[in-house]
Protein backbone atom coordinates (compact mmCIF):
# COMPACT_ATOMS: atom_id res chain seq x y z
CA UNK A 1 -0.04 0.17 -0.16
CA UNK A 2 1.29 3.36 -1.19
CA UNK A 3 1.09 6.33 1.04
CA UNK A 4 0.49 9.99 -0.02
CA UNK A 5 1.77 11.64 3.07
CA UNK A 6 -1.43 13.69 3.25
CA UNK A 7 -1.39 14.25 6.65
CA UNK A 8 2.47 15.74 6.96
CA UNK A 9 2.86 18.68 9.27
CA UNK A 10 -0.47 17.45 11.34
CA UNK A 11 -0.71 16.45 14.86
CA UNK A 12 -3.55 14.03 15.70
CA UNK A 13 -4.96 12.97 18.98
CA UNK A 14 -6.56 9.39 18.99
CA UNK A 15 -8.31 7.52 21.99
CA UNK A 16 -8.56 3.88 22.24
CA UNK A 17 -5.57 3.35 19.94
CA UNK A 18 -4.11 0.23 21.58
CA UNK A 19 -6.40 -2.12 19.45
CA UNK A 20 -8.84 -2.71 17.10
CA UNK A 21 -10.12 0.39 14.80
CA UNK A 22 -8.14 2.80 17.11
CA UNK A 23 -4.98 1.10 16.65
CA UNK A 24 -5.61 0.66 12.99
CA UNK A 25 -6.45 4.60 12.59
CA UNK A 26 -3.22 5.57 14.55
CA UNK A 27 -1.31 3.65 12.20
CA UNK A 28 -2.88 5.06 8.90
CA UNK A 29 -2.25 8.51 10.33
CA UNK A 30 1.24 7.70 10.94
CA UNK A 31 1.72 6.16 7.53
CA UNK A 32 0.24 9.33 5.87
CA UNK A 33 2.67 11.58 7.90
CA UNK A 34 0.81 12.94 10.96
CA UNK A 35 2.32 13.12 14.64
CA UNK A 36 0.12 11.03 16.65
CA UNK A 37 -0.65 11.10 20.42
CA UNK A 38 -2.09 7.35 21.13
CA UNK A 39 -4.11 7.42 24.31
CA UNK A 40 -5.95 4.02 26.03
CA UNK A 41 -6.55 3.00 29.42
CA UNK A 42 -3.56 2.11 31.70
CA UNK A 43 -4.76 -1.31 31.53
CA UNK A 44 -4.37 -1.71 28.02
CA UNK A 45 -1.13 -2.53 25.97
CA UNK A 46 -1.12 1.31 24.86
CA UNK A 47 2.58 1.63 26.10
CA UNK A 48 3.81 -1.32 23.99
CA UNK A 49 1.79 -1.39 20.85
CA UNK A 50 3.37 1.57 19.64
CA UNK A 51 6.71 1.52 21.25
CA UNK A 52 9.82 2.73 18.92
CA UNK A 53 7.69 4.71 16.54
CA UNK A 54 9.07 8.12 16.65
CA UNK A 55 6.08 9.90 15.41
CA UNK A 56 3.56 8.11 17.67
CA UNK A 57 3.59 9.26 21.58
CA UNK A 58 1.66 6.78 23.62
CA UNK A 59 -0.32 7.70 26.53
CA UNK A 60 -1.80 5.32 29.14
CA UNK A 61 -5.03 7.61 30.66
CA UNK A 62 -8.77 7.16 31.39
CA UNK A 63 -10.29 9.85 28.82
CA UNK A 64 -13.05 10.28 31.74
CA UNK A 65 -10.65 11.76 33.93
CA UNK A 66 -11.25 15.77 34.68
CA UNK A 67 -7.61 16.71 33.78
CA UNK A 68 -7.53 14.29 30.51
CA UNK A 69 -8.09 16.63 27.69
CA UNK A 70 -5.06 19.06 29.49
CA UNK A 71 -3.01 15.88 29.58
CA UNK A 72 -3.57 14.88 25.90
CA UNK A 73 -2.82 18.36 24.56
CA UNK A 74 0.21 18.57 26.65
CA UNK A 75 1.79 15.90 25.63
CA UNK A 76 0.89 16.46 21.99
CA UNK A 77 2.68 20.16 22.35
CA UNK A 78 5.68 18.72 24.42
CA UNK A 79 6.27 15.84 21.79
CA UNK A 80 5.33 17.57 18.66
CA UNK A 81 5.47 21.31 19.11
């Protein structure tokens, strides 16, 4: 499958990113050039699923936590500007 790099220079935050559609979305966005904050529950395999991929930052976090949005955006800014 060829990629067109349609998302180069973009940053995405994707939840449910350790498995299924979320994981596939992270991989597709990254293949298309995006920098991705991949978020899933602490009990998931999020820490290892996307390990070693420089344009993917994994975050183990429950998105229902009151401070979750701030943490996701803070990581995106820290890692990808």
